[in-house]
Amino acid sequence: MRFKSVHANLLRRFGRERKGAVLVVVALLLFVLVGAIALSVDLGRAWNLDTQLQDAADACALAGASQLDGNAGSRERAIEACADQVLQLVENRQSFATDDDGPIVQIDASVPPAPNPDIRFWANLGDPALGLAPVPATDDTDANFIQVTVQSREVGFFFAAAVGAVSSATPDAIAVAGLTSAKCQVPPMMICNRR
């Protein structure tokens, strides 16, 4: 009889005890906390990698567009300017990819006639609102725009994978640039401030 009453007392005391309530709440919210960490850390790394890839594509497109003057050899000069920008002037580095492709952002800037899937030239960009598709450039005189595609890189997730979400992301980037003149034949103006 005494054995039963001791266990009954322990069960009643355990039922009234409130000191471990925080542990239960933390255990229930742990999944939410890890999810918030996954959003801030893992997705932040993916967005930073996407920004670094987009910066490389933008720089290459701007360097290439500076050569699209409509003269003979402008597409080849544009690809060479992109290659110079990628390989010599600035190393476009990334810090967040977890694949084994190294820290340099890769853009295939090989000079024709080698196949070049990363750089394309357009005569015009069309108008998606009107259903008009872009028109590819056929020669150097109608190459008005350059499109640069950066090869996608993979960033692995740790926290998101721990909560059962996606385990990685593979951002890529595309940039389009053209060379146009905003004002032509404007007389130069000069202001002198003499005292």
N, C-alpha and C. Protein backbone atom coordinates (compact mmCIF):
# COMPACT_ATOMS: atom_id res chain seq x y z
N MET A 1 0.80 -1.18 0.00
CA MET A 1 0.00 0.00 0.00
C MET A 1 0.86 1.27 0.00
N ARG A 2 1.91 1.26 0.80
CA ARG A 2 2.80 2.41 0.88
C ARG A 2 3.49 2.66 -0.47
N PHE A 3 3.81 1.57 -1.18
CA PHE A 3 4.47 1.69 -2.48
C PHE A 3 3.59 2.44 -3.47
N LYS A 4 2.29 2.14 -3.47
CA LYS A 4 1.35 2.83 -4.35
C LYS A 4 1.24 4.30 -4.02
N SER A 5 1.19 4.64 -2.74
CA SER A 5 1.02 6.04 -2.35
C SER A 5 2.27 6.87 -2.70
N VAL A 6 3.47 6.28 -2.62
CA VAL A 6 4.69 6.99 -2.98
C VAL A 6 4.67 7.33 -4.47
N HIS A 7 4.29 6.36 -5.29
CA HIS A 7 4.22 6.62 -6.74
C HIS A 7 3.12 7.61 -7.08
N ALA A 8 2.03 7.53 -6.40
CA ALA A 8 0.93 8.47 -6.64
C ALA A 8 1.36 9.89 -6.27
N ASN A 9 2.10 10.02 -5.16
CA ASN A 9 2.61 11.34 -4.76
C ASN A 9 3.57 11.90 -5.81
N LEU A 10 4.46 11.03 -6.29
CA LEU A 10 5.40 11.48 -7.32
C LEU A 10 4.68 11.92 -8.59
N LEU A 11 3.68 11.18 -9.00
CA LEU A 11 2.93 11.56 -10.20
C LEU A 11 2.18 12.87 -9.99
N ARG A 12 1.60 13.07 -8.82
CA ARG A 12 0.90 14.34 -8.55
C ARG A 12 1.88 15.51 -8.54
N ARG A 13 3.05 15.34 -7.93
CA ARG A 13 4.05 16.41 -7.90
C ARG A 13 4.58 16.71 -9.31
N PHE A 14 4.78 15.66 -10.09
CA PHE A 14 5.25 15.85 -11.46
C PHE A 14 4.21 16.61 -12.29
N GLY A 15 2.96 16.32 -12.10
CA GLY A 15 1.89 17.01 -12.83
C GLY A 15 1.77 18.48 -12.45
N ARG A 16 2.11 18.84 -11.22
CA ARG A 16 2.03 20.24 -10.78
C ARG A 16 3.31 21.02 -11.05
N GLU A 17 4.40 20.35 -11.36
CA GLU A 17 5.69 21.00 -11.55
C GLU A 17 5.67 21.86 -12.83
N ARG A 18 6.21 23.07 -12.75
CA ARG A 18 6.23 24.00 -13.89
C ARG A 18 7.66 24.40 -14.30
N LYS A 19 8.67 23.87 -13.69
CA LYS A 19 10.05 24.30 -13.97
C LYS A 19 10.53 23.87 -15.35
N GLY A 20 10.02 22.81 -15.93
CA GLY A 20 10.48 22.33 -17.23
C GLY A 20 9.64 22.80 -18.39
N ALA A 21 8.75 23.75 -18.18
CA ALA A 21 7.85 24.20 -19.25
C ALA A 21 8.60 24.87 -20.40
N VAL A 22 9.68 25.54 -20.10
CA VAL A 22 10.45 26.22 -21.14
C VAL A 22 11.07 25.20 -22.10
N LEU A 23 11.50 24.08 -21.57
CA LEU A 23 12.09 23.05 -22.40
C LEU A 23 11.09 22.52 -23.42
N VAL A 24 9.86 22.36 -23.03
CA VAL A 24 8.83 21.88 -23.95
C VAL A 24 8.59 22.92 -25.05
N VAL A 25 8.51 24.18 -24.69
CA VAL A 25 8.29 25.23 -25.69
C VAL A 25 9.48 25.30 -26.66
N VAL A 26 10.70 25.22 -26.15
CA VAL A 26 11.89 25.26 -27.01
C VAL A 26 11.90 24.05 -27.94
N ALA A 27 11.54 22.88 -27.42
CA ALA A 27 11.51 21.68 -28.25
C ALA A 27 10.49 21.83 -29.37
N LEU A 28 9.35 22.44 -29.07
CA LEU A 28 8.32 22.62 -30.10
C LEU A 28 8.73 23.68 -31.13
N LEU A 29 9.44 24.72 -30.68
CA LEU A 29 9.83 25.80 -31.59
C LEU A 29 11.18 25.58 -32.26
N LEU A 30 11.86 24.49 -31.94
CA LEU A 30 13.18 24.24 -32.50
C LEU A 30 13.12 24.14 -34.03
N PHE A 31 12.11 23.50 -34.55
CA PHE A 31 11.96 23.38 -36.00
C PHE A 31 11.81 24.75 -36.64
N VAL A 32 11.03 25.64 -36.01
CA VAL A 32 10.84 26.99 -36.53
C VAL A 32 12.15 27.78 -36.45
N LEU A 33 12.89 27.62 -35.36
CA LEU A 33 14.17 28.32 -35.22
C LEU A 33 15.18 27.87 -36.27
N VAL A 34 15.28 26.57 -36.53
CA VAL A 34 16.20 26.07 -37.54
C VAL A 34 15.75 26.54 -38.93
N GLY A 35 14.44 26.61 -39.16
CA GLY A 35 13.93 27.13 -40.43
C GLY A 35 14.30 28.59 -40.63
N ALA A 36 14.23 29.39 -39.57
CA ALA A 36 14.62 30.80 -39.67
C ALA A 36 16.12 30.94 -39.94
N ILE A 37 16.91 30.09 -39.32
CA ILE A 37 18.35 30.10 -39.57
C ILE A 37 18.61 29.70 -41.02
N ALA A 38 17.87 28.71 -41.51
CA ALA A 38 18.04 28.27 -42.90
C ALA A 38 17.74 29.41 -43.86
N LEU A 39 16.68 30.16 -43.58
CA LEU A 39 16.34 31.29 -44.45
C LEU A 39 17.44 32.35 -44.44
N SER A 40 17.94 32.67 -43.27
CA SER A 40 18.91 33.75 -43.19
C SER A 40 20.30 33.34 -43.67
N VAL A 41 20.75 32.15 -43.39
CA VAL A 41 22.11 31.75 -43.75
C VAL A 41 22.15 31.14 -45.15
N ASP A 42 21.38 30.08 -45.36
CA ASP A 42 21.46 29.36 -46.63
C ASP A 42 20.96 30.19 -47.80
N LEU A 43 19.79 30.80 -47.66
CA LEU A 43 19.28 31.61 -48.77
C LEU A 43 20.12 32.88 -48.96
N GLY A 44 20.68 33.40 -47.89
CA GLY A 44 21.58 34.54 -48.03
C GLY A 44 22.81 34.19 -48.86
N ARG A 45 23.36 32.99 -48.64
CA ARG A 45 24.50 32.55 -49.44
C ARG A 45 24.11 32.39 -50.90
N ALA A 46 22.92 31.84 -51.16
CA ALA A 46 22.46 31.66 -52.54
C ALA A 46 22.26 33.01 -53.23
N TRP A 47 21.69 33.97 -52.53
CA TRP A 47 21.47 35.30 -53.11
C TRP A 47 22.80 36.01 -53.37
N ASN A 48 23.76 35.85 -52.48
CA ASN A 48 25.07 36.46 -52.70
C ASN A 48 25.77 35.83 -53.90
N LEU A 49 25.67 34.51 -54.05
CA LEU A 49 26.26 33.85 -55.22
C LEU A 49 25.57 34.35 -56.49
N ASP A 50 24.26 34.49 -56.47
CA ASP A 50 23.54 35.01 -57.63
C ASP A 50 24.00 36.41 -57.99
N THR A 51 24.23 37.25 -56.99
CA THR A 51 24.73 38.60 -57.23
C THR A 51 26.12 38.59 -57.84
N GLN A 52 27.00 37.73 -57.36
CA GLN A 52 28.35 37.65 -57.91
C GLN A 52 28.34 37.16 -59.35
N LEU A 53 27.47 36.20 -59.67
CA LEU A 53 27.37 35.72 -61.05
C LEU A 53 26.79 36.81 -61.96
N GLN A 54 25.80 37.55 -61.45
CA GLN A 54 25.20 38.62 -62.25
C GLN A 54 26.20 39.74 -62.50
N ASP A 55 27.02 40.06 -61.52
CA ASP A 55 28.07 41.08 -61.70
C ASP A 55 29.04 40.67 -62.80
N ALA A 56 29.42 39.39 -62.85
CA ALA A 56 30.33 38.92 -63.89
C ALA A 56 29.68 39.00 -65.26
N ALA A 57 28.41 38.63 -65.36
CA ALA A 57 27.71 38.70 -66.65
C ALA A 57 27.56 40.14 -67.10
N ASP A 58 27.22 41.04 -66.18
CA ASP A 58 27.07 42.46 -66.52
C ASP A 58 28.39 43.05 -67.02
N ALA A 59 29.48 42.74 -66.32
CA ALA A 59 30.78 43.29 -66.71
C ALA A 59 31.19 42.79 -68.09
N CYS A 60 30.97 41.51 -68.36
CA CYS A 60 31.33 40.96 -69.66
C CYS A 60 30.47 41.56 -70.77
N ALA A 61 29.16 41.71 -70.52
CA ALA A 61 28.26 42.28 -71.53
C ALA A 61 28.62 43.73 -71.82
N LEU A 62 28.93 44.50 -70.80
CA LEU A 62 29.30 45.91 -71.02
C LEU A 62 30.62 46.02 -71.78
N ALA A 63 31.58 45.16 -71.44
CA ALA A 63 32.86 45.18 -72.16
C ALA A 63 32.66 44.80 -73.62
N GLY A 64 31.83 43.80 -73.88
CA GLY A 64 31.57 43.39 -75.25
C GLY A 64 30.77 44.42 -76.03
N ALA A 65 29.78 45.04 -75.40
CA ALA A 65 28.94 46.02 -76.09
C ALA A 65 29.74 47.24 -76.52
N SER A 66 30.81 47.53 -75.83
CA SER A 66 31.63 48.70 -76.20
C SER A 66 32.27 48.53 -77.58
N GLN A 67 32.30 47.32 -78.12
CA GLN A 67 32.93 47.05 -79.40
C GLN A 67 31.93 46.91 -80.55
N LEU A 68 30.64 46.94 -80.26
CA LEU A 68 29.63 46.74 -81.29
C LEU A 68 29.35 48.05 -82.03
N ASP A 69 30.25 48.39 -82.96
CA ASP A 69 30.13 49.65 -83.69
C ASP A 69 29.61 49.47 -85.11
N GLY A 70 29.29 48.24 -85.52
CA GLY A 70 28.78 47.99 -86.87
C GLY A 70 29.86 47.80 -87.91
N ASN A 71 31.10 47.91 -87.54
CA ASN A 71 32.20 47.73 -88.48
C ASN A 71 32.59 46.25 -88.55
N ALA A 72 33.37 45.92 -89.57
CA ALA A 72 33.81 44.54 -89.75
C ALA A 72 34.62 44.08 -88.55
N GLY A 73 34.36 42.88 -88.07
CA GLY A 73 35.07 42.30 -86.93
C GLY A 73 34.57 42.73 -85.58
N SER A 74 33.43 43.41 -85.53
CA SER A 74 32.96 43.93 -84.23
C SER A 74 32.55 42.80 -83.29
N ARG A 75 31.97 41.71 -83.82
CA ARG A 75 31.58 40.61 -82.93
C ARG A 75 32.82 39.92 -82.36
N GLU A 76 33.83 39.74 -83.17
CA GLU A 76 35.07 39.12 -82.67
C GLU A 76 35.74 40.02 -81.63
N ARG A 77 35.76 41.33 -81.90
CA ARG A 77 36.33 42.27 -80.91
C ARG A 77 35.52 42.26 -79.62
N ALA A 78 34.20 42.12 -79.74
CA ALA A 78 33.35 42.09 -78.55
C ALA A 78 33.66 40.86 -77.70
N ILE A 79 33.84 39.72 -78.35
CA ILE A 79 34.18 38.50 -77.61
C ILE A 79 35.55 38.63 -76.98
N GLU A 80 36.50 39.21 -77.71
CA GLU A 80 37.84 39.40 -77.15
C GLU A 80 37.82 40.38 -75.98
N ALA A 81 37.00 41.43 -76.07
CA ALA A 81 36.88 42.37 -74.95
C ALA A 81 36.30 41.68 -73.74
N CYS A 82 35.34 40.81 -73.98
CA CYS A 82 34.76 40.04 -72.88
C CYS A 82 35.80 39.09 -72.29
N ALA A 83 36.57 38.43 -73.15
CA ALA A 83 37.62 37.52 -72.67
C ALA A 83 38.68 38.28 -71.90
N ASP A 84 39.07 39.46 -72.39
CA ASP A 84 40.05 40.27 -71.67
C ASP A 84 39.51 40.67 -70.31
N GLN A 85 38.25 41.06 -70.27
CA GLN A 85 37.64 41.47 -69.01
C GLN A 85 37.58 40.29 -68.05
N VAL A 86 37.24 39.11 -68.57
CA VAL A 86 37.11 37.94 -67.71
C VAL A 86 38.46 37.44 -67.23
N LEU A 87 39.45 37.41 -68.13
CA LEU A 87 40.70 36.74 -67.79
C LEU A 87 41.82 37.67 -67.34
N GLN A 88 41.86 38.90 -67.83
CA GLN A 88 43.03 39.72 -67.58
C GLN A 88 42.77 40.92 -66.68
N LEU A 89 41.78 41.73 -67.03
CA LEU A 89 41.59 42.97 -66.28
C LEU A 89 41.07 42.72 -64.87
N VAL A 90 40.04 41.92 -64.78
CA VAL A 90 39.40 41.68 -63.48
C VAL A 90 39.11 40.21 -63.36
N GLU A 91 39.43 39.64 -62.24
CA GLU A 91 39.03 38.26 -61.99
C GLU A 91 37.68 38.31 -61.28
N ASN A 92 36.66 37.83 -61.97
CA ASN A 92 35.35 37.75 -61.36
C ASN A 92 35.32 36.52 -60.46
N ARG A 93 35.37 36.77 -59.17
CA ARG A 93 35.44 35.68 -58.21
C ARG A 93 34.09 35.51 -57.52
N GLN A 94 33.86 34.31 -57.06
CA GLN A 94 32.69 34.03 -56.24
C GLN A 94 33.17 33.39 -54.95
N SER A 95 32.40 33.58 -53.90
CA SER A 95 32.82 33.09 -52.59
C SER A 95 31.88 32.08 -51.98
N PHE A 96 30.77 31.77 -52.64
CA PHE A 96 29.73 31.00 -51.98
C PHE A 96 29.41 29.66 -52.63
N ALA A 97 29.88 29.39 -53.84
CA ALA A 97 29.57 28.12 -54.49
C ALA A 97 30.31 26.99 -53.78
N THR A 98 29.64 25.86 -53.64
CA THR A 98 30.24 24.72 -52.96
C THR A 98 30.56 23.60 -53.94
N ASP A 99 30.42 23.86 -55.26
CA ASP A 99 30.82 22.85 -56.23
C ASP A 99 32.35 22.89 -56.37
N ASP A 100 32.88 22.04 -57.19
CA ASP A 100 34.34 21.93 -57.31
C ASP A 100 34.87 22.68 -58.52
N ASP A 101 34.20 23.75 -58.97
CA ASP A 101 34.62 24.47 -60.16
C ASP A 101 35.55 25.64 -59.86
N GLY A 102 35.94 25.82 -58.63
CA GLY A 102 36.90 26.87 -58.28
C GLY A 102 36.26 28.21 -58.00
N PRO A 103 37.08 29.19 -57.60
CA PRO A 103 36.53 30.49 -57.19
C PRO A 103 36.29 31.46 -58.34
N ILE A 104 36.73 31.15 -59.56
CA ILE A 104 36.59 32.06 -60.68
C ILE A 104 35.27 31.78 -61.40
N VAL A 105 34.53 32.84 -61.73
CA VAL A 105 33.29 32.71 -62.49
C VAL A 105 33.66 32.43 -63.94
N GLN A 106 33.13 31.35 -64.50
CA GLN A 106 33.50 30.92 -65.84
C GLN A 106 32.53 31.47 -66.89
N ILE A 107 33.09 32.10 -67.93
CA ILE A 107 32.32 32.52 -69.10
C ILE A 107 33.12 32.05 -70.31
N ASP A 108 32.47 31.30 -71.19
CA ASP A 108 33.15 30.82 -72.39
C ASP A 108 33.25 31.98 -73.37
N ALA A 109 34.40 32.61 -73.42
CA ALA A 109 34.63 33.75 -74.30
C ALA A 109 35.58 33.36 -75.42
N SER A 110 35.39 32.15 -75.97
CA SER A 110 36.25 31.72 -77.06
C SER A 110 35.87 32.46 -78.34
N VAL A 111 36.86 32.72 -79.16
CA VAL A 111 36.67 33.50 -80.39
C VAL A 111 36.16 32.57 -81.48
N PRO A 112 35.17 33.01 -82.30
CA PRO A 112 34.68 32.18 -83.41
C PRO A 112 35.84 31.77 -84.31
N PRO A 113 35.75 30.65 -84.98
CA PRO A 113 34.57 29.82 -85.21
C PRO A 113 34.33 28.77 -84.13
N ALA A 114 35.01 28.82 -83.01
CA ALA A 114 34.73 27.87 -81.93
C ALA A 114 33.30 28.04 -81.44
N PRO A 115 32.63 26.95 -81.08
CA PRO A 115 31.26 27.09 -80.57
C PRO A 115 31.26 27.89 -79.27
N ASN A 116 30.33 28.78 -79.15
CA ASN A 116 30.31 29.69 -78.01
C ASN A 116 28.88 29.82 -77.48
N PRO A 117 28.48 28.94 -76.57
CA PRO A 117 27.10 29.00 -76.08
C PRO A 117 26.84 30.14 -75.10
N ASP A 118 27.89 30.72 -74.54
CA ASP A 118 27.71 31.72 -73.50
C ASP A 118 27.53 33.14 -74.03
N ILE A 119 27.92 33.39 -75.27
CA ILE A 119 27.82 34.74 -75.84
C ILE A 119 27.04 34.66 -77.15
N ARG A 120 25.99 35.48 -77.24
CA ARG A 120 25.17 35.53 -78.46
C ARG A 120 24.99 36.98 -78.86
N PHE A 121 24.75 37.20 -80.14
CA PHE A 121 24.55 38.55 -80.65
C PHE A 121 23.16 38.66 -81.26
N TRP A 122 22.53 39.82 -81.04
CA TRP A 122 21.17 40.06 -81.51
C TRP A 122 21.12 41.33 -82.36
N ALA A 123 20.31 41.28 -83.42
CA ALA A 123 20.07 42.48 -84.22
C ALA A 123 19.09 43.39 -83.49
N ASN A 124 18.03 42.80 -82.92
CA ASN A 124 17.13 43.55 -82.03
C ASN A 124 16.58 42.58 -81.00
N LEU A 125 16.05 43.14 -79.93
CA LEU A 125 15.61 42.32 -78.80
C LEU A 125 14.14 41.94 -78.87
N GLY A 126 13.43 42.39 -79.91
CA GLY A 126 12.02 42.07 -80.02
C GLY A 126 11.21 42.81 -78.96
N ASP A 127 9.96 42.41 -78.84
CA ASP A 127 9.06 43.00 -77.84
C ASP A 127 8.12 41.91 -77.35
N PRO A 128 8.38 41.35 -76.15
CA PRO A 128 7.52 40.27 -75.65
C PRO A 128 6.06 40.70 -75.48
N ALA A 129 5.82 41.98 -75.21
CA ALA A 129 4.44 42.44 -75.04
C ALA A 129 3.66 42.34 -76.35
N LEU A 130 4.35 42.52 -77.46
CA LEU A 130 3.71 42.42 -78.77
C LEU A 130 3.88 41.04 -79.40
N GLY A 131 4.56 40.15 -78.70
CA GLY A 131 4.78 38.80 -79.22
C GLY A 131 5.91 38.73 -80.24
N LEU A 132 6.78 39.72 -80.27
CA LEU A 132 7.89 39.74 -81.22
C LEU A 132 9.13 39.11 -80.58
N ALA A 133 9.68 38.11 -81.22
CA ALA A 133 10.86 37.41 -80.70
C ALA A 133 12.12 38.18 -81.06
N PRO A 134 13.20 38.00 -80.30
CA PRO A 134 14.47 38.62 -80.67
C PRO A 134 14.98 38.08 -82.00
N VAL A 135 15.68 38.93 -82.73
CA VAL A 135 16.23 38.55 -84.04
C VAL A 135 17.74 38.38 -83.90
N PRO A 136 18.26 37.18 -84.20
CA PRO A 136 19.71 36.98 -84.09
C PRO A 136 20.45 37.80 -85.14
N ALA A 137 21.64 38.24 -84.78
CA ALA A 137 22.49 38.99 -85.71
C ALA A 137 23.07 38.03 -86.73
N THR A 138 23.12 38.45 -87.98
CA THR A 138 23.66 37.60 -89.04
C THR A 138 25.09 37.97 -89.41
N ASP A 139 25.47 39.21 -89.18
CA ASP A 139 26.85 39.63 -89.45
C ASP A 139 27.22 40.78 -88.52
N ASP A 140 28.40 41.33 -88.73
CA ASP A 140 28.92 42.37 -87.84
C ASP A 140 28.13 43.68 -87.94
N THR A 141 27.53 43.94 -89.10
CA THR A 141 26.84 45.22 -89.27
C THR A 141 25.52 45.29 -88.52
N ASP A 142 24.87 44.15 -88.30
CA ASP A 142 23.58 44.21 -87.60
C ASP A 142 23.66 43.67 -86.17
N ALA A 143 24.86 43.43 -85.65
CA ALA A 143 25.03 42.98 -84.26
C ALA A 143 24.94 44.20 -83.36
N ASN A 144 23.75 44.44 -82.83
CA ASN A 144 23.52 45.62 -82.00
C ASN A 144 23.55 45.32 -80.50
N PHE A 145 23.33 44.06 -80.13
CA PHE A 145 23.27 43.69 -78.72
C PHE A 145 24.07 42.42 -78.50
N ILE A 146 24.66 42.32 -77.32
CA ILE A 146 25.38 41.12 -76.90
C ILE A 146 24.68 40.55 -75.68
N GLN A 147 24.51 39.23 -75.68
CA GLN A 147 23.91 38.54 -74.53
C GLN A 147 24.96 37.60 -73.95
N VAL A 148 25.21 37.71 -72.66
CA VAL A 148 26.20 36.89 -71.98
C VAL A 148 25.48 36.03 -70.94
N THR A 149 25.71 34.74 -71.01
CA THR A 149 25.14 33.80 -70.05
C THR A 149 26.27 33.22 -69.21
N VAL A 150 26.15 33.32 -67.90
CA VAL A 150 27.15 32.77 -66.99
C VAL A 150 26.73 31.37 -66.60
N GLN A 151 27.67 30.46 -66.64
CA GLN A 151 27.39 29.08 -66.27
C GLN A 151 26.93 29.01 -64.83
N SER A 152 25.90 28.21 -64.58
CA SER A 152 25.33 28.12 -63.23
C SER A 152 26.32 27.44 -62.29
N ARG A 153 26.26 27.84 -61.05
CA ARG A 153 27.09 27.28 -59.99
C ARG A 153 26.18 26.77 -58.88
N GLU A 154 26.64 25.80 -58.15
CA GLU A 154 25.81 25.19 -57.10
C GLU A 154 26.29 25.63 -55.73
N VAL A 155 25.33 25.97 -54.87
CA VAL A 155 25.62 26.27 -53.47
C VAL A 155 24.82 25.29 -52.63
N GLY A 156 25.52 24.56 -51.78
CA GLY A 156 24.88 23.56 -50.93
C GLY A 156 24.34 24.19 -49.66
N PHE A 157 23.20 23.68 -49.21
CA PHE A 157 22.55 24.17 -48.00
C PHE A 157 22.78 23.18 -46.87
N PHE A 158 23.04 23.70 -45.68
CA PHE A 158 23.19 22.85 -44.51
C PHE A 158 21.93 22.87 -43.65
N PHE A 159 21.52 24.08 -43.25
CA PHE A 159 20.38 24.19 -42.35
C PHE A 159 19.07 23.83 -43.05
N ALA A 160 18.89 24.24 -44.30
CA ALA A 160 17.66 23.92 -45.02
C ALA A 160 17.54 22.42 -45.22
N ALA A 161 18.66 21.76 -45.50
CA ALA A 161 18.62 20.30 -45.65
C ALA A 161 18.31 19.62 -44.32
N ALA A 162 18.74 20.24 -43.22
CA ALA A 162 18.49 19.65 -41.90
C ALA A 162 17.01 19.65 -41.55
N VAL A 163 16.25 20.63 -42.05
CA VAL A 163 14.81 20.66 -41.76
C VAL A 163 14.01 19.99 -42.86
N GLY A 164 14.68 19.36 -43.81
CA GLY A 164 13.97 18.62 -44.84
C GLY A 164 13.58 19.44 -46.06
N ALA A 165 14.10 20.64 -46.19
CA ALA A 165 13.82 21.47 -47.36
C ALA A 165 14.84 21.13 -48.44
N VAL A 166 15.02 22.01 -49.40
CA VAL A 166 15.96 21.76 -50.50
C VAL A 166 17.39 21.69 -49.97
N SER A 167 18.22 20.92 -50.68
CA SER A 167 19.60 20.75 -50.21
C SER A 167 20.59 21.63 -50.95
N SER A 168 20.17 22.26 -52.06
CA SER A 168 21.09 23.13 -52.79
C SER A 168 20.31 24.02 -53.74
N ALA A 169 21.02 25.01 -54.30
CA ALA A 169 20.45 25.89 -55.33
C ALA A 169 21.52 26.09 -56.39
N THR A 170 21.10 26.35 -57.62
CA THR A 170 22.04 26.56 -58.72
C THR A 170 21.68 27.84 -59.46
N PRO A 171 22.08 28.99 -58.93
CA PRO A 171 21.78 30.24 -59.64
C PRO A 171 22.66 30.40 -60.88
N ASP A 172 22.13 31.15 -61.84
CA ASP A 172 22.89 31.52 -63.02
C ASP A 172 22.57 32.97 -63.33
N ALA A 173 23.14 33.51 -64.39
CA ALA A 173 22.92 34.92 -64.70
C ALA A 173 22.98 35.14 -66.20
N ILE A 174 22.18 36.10 -66.67
CA ILE A 174 22.17 36.51 -68.06
C ILE A 174 22.19 38.03 -68.09
N ALA A 175 23.01 38.60 -68.98
CA ALA A 175 23.06 40.06 -69.14
C ALA A 175 23.03 40.38 -70.63
N VAL A 176 22.31 41.44 -70.96
CA VAL A 176 22.23 41.92 -72.34
C VAL A 176 22.63 43.39 -72.35
N ALA A 177 23.48 43.76 -73.30
CA ALA A 177 23.92 45.15 -73.41
C ALA A 177 24.06 45.52 -74.88
N GLY A 178 23.90 46.79 -75.15
CA GLY A 178 24.06 47.31 -76.50
C GLY A 178 24.74 48.66 -76.46
N LEU A 179 25.26 49.06 -77.59
CA LEU A 179 25.96 50.35 -77.67
C LEU A 179 25.10 51.30 -78.48
N THR A 180 24.60 52.33 -77.82
CA THR A 180 23.83 53.35 -78.51
C THR A 180 24.34 54.71 -78.09
N SER A 181 24.00 55.69 -78.88
CA SER A 181 24.40 57.06 -78.56
C SER A 181 23.16 57.83 -78.17
N ALA A 182 23.20 58.46 -77.03
CA ALA A 182 22.03 59.20 -76.56
C ALA A 182 21.90 60.54 -77.28
N LYS A 183 22.98 61.25 -77.48
CA LYS A 183 22.96 62.56 -78.15
C LYS A 183 24.07 62.60 -79.18
N CYS A 184 23.72 63.06 -80.36
CA CYS A 184 24.72 63.18 -81.43
C CYS A 184 24.86 64.64 -81.84
N GLN A 185 26.05 65.00 -82.21
CA GLN A 185 26.36 66.32 -82.75
C GLN A 185 25.90 67.45 -81.84
N VAL A 186 26.16 67.31 -80.57
CA VAL A 186 25.85 68.38 -79.61
C VAL A 186 27.10 69.23 -79.46
N PRO A 187 26.98 70.55 -79.63
CA PRO A 187 28.17 71.40 -79.49
C PRO A 187 28.68 71.37 -78.05
N PRO A 188 29.98 71.30 -77.89
CA PRO A 188 30.52 71.26 -76.54
C PRO A 188 30.33 72.61 -75.84
N MET A 189 30.07 72.52 -74.56
CA MET A 189 29.90 73.73 -73.76
C MET A 189 31.00 73.76 -72.71
N MET A 190 31.47 74.97 -72.43
CA MET A 190 32.52 75.11 -71.47
C MET A 190 32.19 76.27 -70.54
N ILE A 191 32.37 76.02 -69.28
CA ILE A 191 32.09 77.06 -68.30
C ILE A 191 33.40 77.36 -67.58
N CYS A 192 33.78 78.63 -67.57
CA CYS A 192 35.00 79.03 -66.86
C CYS A 192 34.59 79.82 -65.64
N ASN A 193 35.21 79.51 -64.56
CA ASN A 193 34.94 80.21 -63.32
C ASN A 193 36.19 81.04 -62.99
N ARG A 194 36.19 82.31 -63.40
CA ARG A 194 37.35 83.16 -63.15
C ARG A 194 37.09 84.06 -61.98
N ARG A 195 38.11 84.34 -61.29
CA ARG A 195 38.00 85.25 -60.16
C ARG A 195 38.81 86.47 -60.40
